[in-house]
Amino acid sequence: MTATAILDEQGRLIIPEEFREHLHLAPGDAFEINEDQGKVVLFPVSHKSSLKRVGDLLIVDAELDPEYKDRDLITDMREERIRDLLR
């Protein structure tokens, strides 16, 4: 998919509708912006998790809050597992 977007006087780009629909983008979505060898690269920043099938497995593709510590994650997962076992 290829399209041309024009930077307006206020520095905004409009992402064409076909891209927005294909990538499930909505007003208010955030993007990480990088420069790579003279190219502008946009990455949607998603706080929603999504499932992806990898072979026979369903994998959660999600980003953790950068303030969330590994130890907190392990503790939370352990407590959740204990709750599940006690049900």
C-alpha atoms as a PDB file:
ATOM      1  CA  MET A   1       0.000   0.000   0.000  1.00  0.00           C
ATOM      2  CA  THR A   2       1.419   3.375  -0.983  1.00  0.00           C
ATOM      3  CA  ALA A   3       0.047   6.899  -0.723  1.00  0.00           C
ATOM      4  CA  THR A   4       1.231  10.486  -0.564  1.00  0.00           C
ATOM      5  CA  ALA A   5       0.464  12.702   2.427  1.00  0.00           C
ATOM      6  CA  ILE A   6       1.121  16.446   2.496  1.00  0.00           C
ATOM      7  CA  LEU A   7       2.429  18.208   5.574  1.00  0.00           C
ATOM      8  CA  ASP A   8       0.206  21.210   6.293  1.00  0.00           C
ATOM      9  CA  GLU A   9       1.335  24.584   7.681  1.00  0.00           C
ATOM     10  CA  GLN A  10       0.740  23.395  11.238  1.00  0.00           C
ATOM     11  CA  GLY A  11       2.877  20.272  10.784  1.00  0.00           C
ATOM     12  CA  ARG A  12       0.013  17.771  10.473  1.00  0.00           C
ATOM     13  CA  LEU A  13      -0.260  14.813   8.140  1.00  0.00           C
ATOM     14  CA  ILE A  14      -3.515  13.114   7.252  1.00  0.00           C
ATOM     15  CA  ILE A  15      -3.166   9.346   7.097  1.00  0.00           C
ATOM     16  CA  PRO A  16      -5.267   8.142   4.159  1.00  0.00           C
ATOM     17  CA  GLU A  17      -8.498   6.332   5.026  1.00  0.00           C
ATOM     18  CA  GLU A  18      -7.397   3.003   3.515  1.00  0.00           C
ATOM     19  CA  PHE A  19      -4.372   2.956   5.857  1.00  0.00           C
ATOM     20  CA  ARG A  20      -6.469   3.944   8.886  1.00  0.00           C
ATOM     21  CA  GLU A  21      -8.971   1.184   8.183  1.00  0.00           C
ATOM     22  CA  HIS A  22      -6.322  -1.449   7.407  1.00  0.00           C
ATOM     23  CA  LEU A  23      -4.369  -0.621  10.590  1.00  0.00           C
ATOM     24  CA  HIS A  24      -7.499  -0.044  12.726  1.00  0.00           C
ATOM     25  CA  LEU A  25      -6.407   3.493  13.594  1.00  0.00           C
ATOM     26  CA  ALA A  26      -8.814   5.881  15.272  1.00  0.00           C
ATOM     27  CA  PRO A  27      -8.804   9.564  16.216  1.00  0.00           C
ATOM     28  CA  GLY A  28      -6.677  10.099  19.301  1.00  0.00           C
ATOM     29  CA  ASP A  29      -4.344   7.139  18.654  1.00  0.00           C
ATOM     30  CA  ALA A  30      -0.735   7.897  19.595  1.00  0.00           C
ATOM     31  CA  PHE A  31       2.354   7.246  17.484  1.00  0.00           C
ATOM     32  CA  GLU A  32       6.037   6.841  18.177  1.00  0.00           C
ATOM     33  CA  ILE A  33       8.013   8.851  15.609  1.00  0.00           C
ATOM     34  CA  ASN A  34      11.523   7.844  14.574  1.00  0.00           C
ATOM     35  CA  GLU A  35      14.009   8.993  11.956  1.00  0.00           C
ATOM     36  CA  ASP A  36      15.828   6.247  10.074  1.00  0.00           C
ATOM     37  CA  GLN A  37      18.385   7.255   7.438  1.00  0.00           C
ATOM     38  CA  GLY A  38      16.414  10.317   6.382  1.00  0.00           C
ATOM     39  CA  LYS A  39      13.015   8.595   6.543  1.00  0.00           C
ATOM     40  CA  VAL A  40      10.238   9.397   9.004  1.00  0.00           C
ATOM     41  CA  VAL A  41       8.886   6.196  10.547  1.00  0.00           C
ATOM     42  CA  LEU A  42       5.613   6.115  12.514  1.00  0.00           C
ATOM     43  CA  PHE A  43       4.698   3.281  14.875  1.00  0.00           C
ATOM     44  CA  PRO A  44       1.225   3.126  16.421  1.00  0.00           C
ATOM     45  CA  VAL A  45       1.533   3.055  20.211  1.00  0.00           C
ATOM     46  CA  SER A  46      -0.997   0.565  21.465  1.00  0.00           C
ATOM     47  CA  HIS A  47      -1.952  -0.014  25.059  1.00  0.00           C
ATOM     48  CA  LYS A  48      -4.523  -2.562  23.982  1.00  0.00           C
ATOM     49  CA  SER A  49      -3.432  -6.147  23.886  1.00  0.00           C
ATOM     50  CA  SER A  50      -4.136  -8.294  20.901  1.00  0.00           C
ATOM     51  CA  LEU A  51      -3.953 -12.015  20.335  1.00  0.00           C
ATOM     52  CA  LYS A  52      -1.842 -13.410  17.560  1.00  0.00           C
ATOM     53  CA  ARG A  53      -1.778 -17.021  16.461  1.00  0.00           C
ATOM     54  CA  VAL A  54       1.724 -18.484  16.223  1.00  0.00           C
ATOM     55  CA  GLY A  55       1.393 -22.092  15.133  1.00  0.00           C
ATOM     56  CA  ASP A  56      -0.990 -23.696  17.628  1.00  0.00           C
ATOM     57  CA  LEU A  57      -0.418 -21.000  20.271  1.00  0.00           C
ATOM     58  CA  LEU A  58      -2.251 -17.759  20.968  1.00  0.00           C
ATOM     59  CA  ILE A  59       0.268 -15.087  21.925  1.00  0.00           C
ATOM     60  CA  VAL A  60      -0.679 -11.811  23.624  1.00  0.00           C
ATOM     61  CA  ASP A  61       1.015  -8.884  21.896  1.00  0.00           C
ATOM     62  CA  ALA A  62       0.947  -6.087  24.458  1.00  0.00           C
ATOM     63  CA  GLU A  63       3.130  -3.373  25.855  1.00  0.00           C
ATOM     64  CA  LEU A  64       3.683  -2.968  29.570  1.00  0.00           C
ATOM     65  CA  ASP A  65       3.671   0.369  31.280  1.00  0.00           C
ATOM     66  CA  PRO A  66       7.379   1.369  31.442  1.00  0.00           C
ATOM     67  CA  GLU A  67       6.964   2.021  35.183  1.00  0.00           C
ATOM     68  CA  TYR A  68       5.813  -1.565  35.729  1.00  0.00           C
ATOM     69  CA  LYS A  69       8.682  -3.550  37.222  1.00  0.00           C
ATOM     70  CA  ASP A  70       9.427  -7.197  36.361  1.00  0.00           C
ATOM     71  CA  ARG A  71       9.156  -8.165  40.009  1.00  0.00           C
ATOM     72  CA  ASP A  72       5.663  -6.611  40.163  1.00  0.00           C
ATOM     73  CA  LEU A  73       4.662  -8.597  37.085  1.00  0.00           C
ATOM     74  CA  ILE A  74       5.923 -11.867  38.559  1.00  0.00           C
ATOM     75  CA  THR A  75       4.209 -11.176  41.881  1.00  0.00           C
ATOM     76  CA  ASP A  76       0.932 -10.293  40.169  1.00  0.00           C
ATOM     77  CA  MET A  77       1.072 -13.410  37.981  1.00  0.00           C
ATOM     78  CA  ARG A  78       1.843 -15.609  41.008  1.00  0.00           C
ATOM     79  CA  GLU A  79      -1.068 -14.146  42.990  1.00  0.00           C
ATOM     80  CA  GLU A  80      -3.428 -14.583  40.031  1.00  0.00           C
ATOM     81  CA  ARG A  81      -2.350 -18.223  39.660  1.00  0.00           C
ATOM     82  CA  ILE A  82      -2.928 -18.869  43.374  1.00  0.00           C
ATOM     83  CA  ARG A  83      -6.414 -17.306  43.150  1.00  0.00           C
ATOM     84  CA  ASP A  84      -7.206 -19.503  40.137  1.00  0.00           C
ATOM     85  CA  LEU A  85      -6.033 -22.647  41.954  1.00  0.00           C
ATOM     86  CA  LEU A  86      -8.140 -21.832  45.019  1.00  0.00           C
ATOM     87  CA  ARG A  87     -11.356 -21.514  43.016  1.00  0.00           C
END
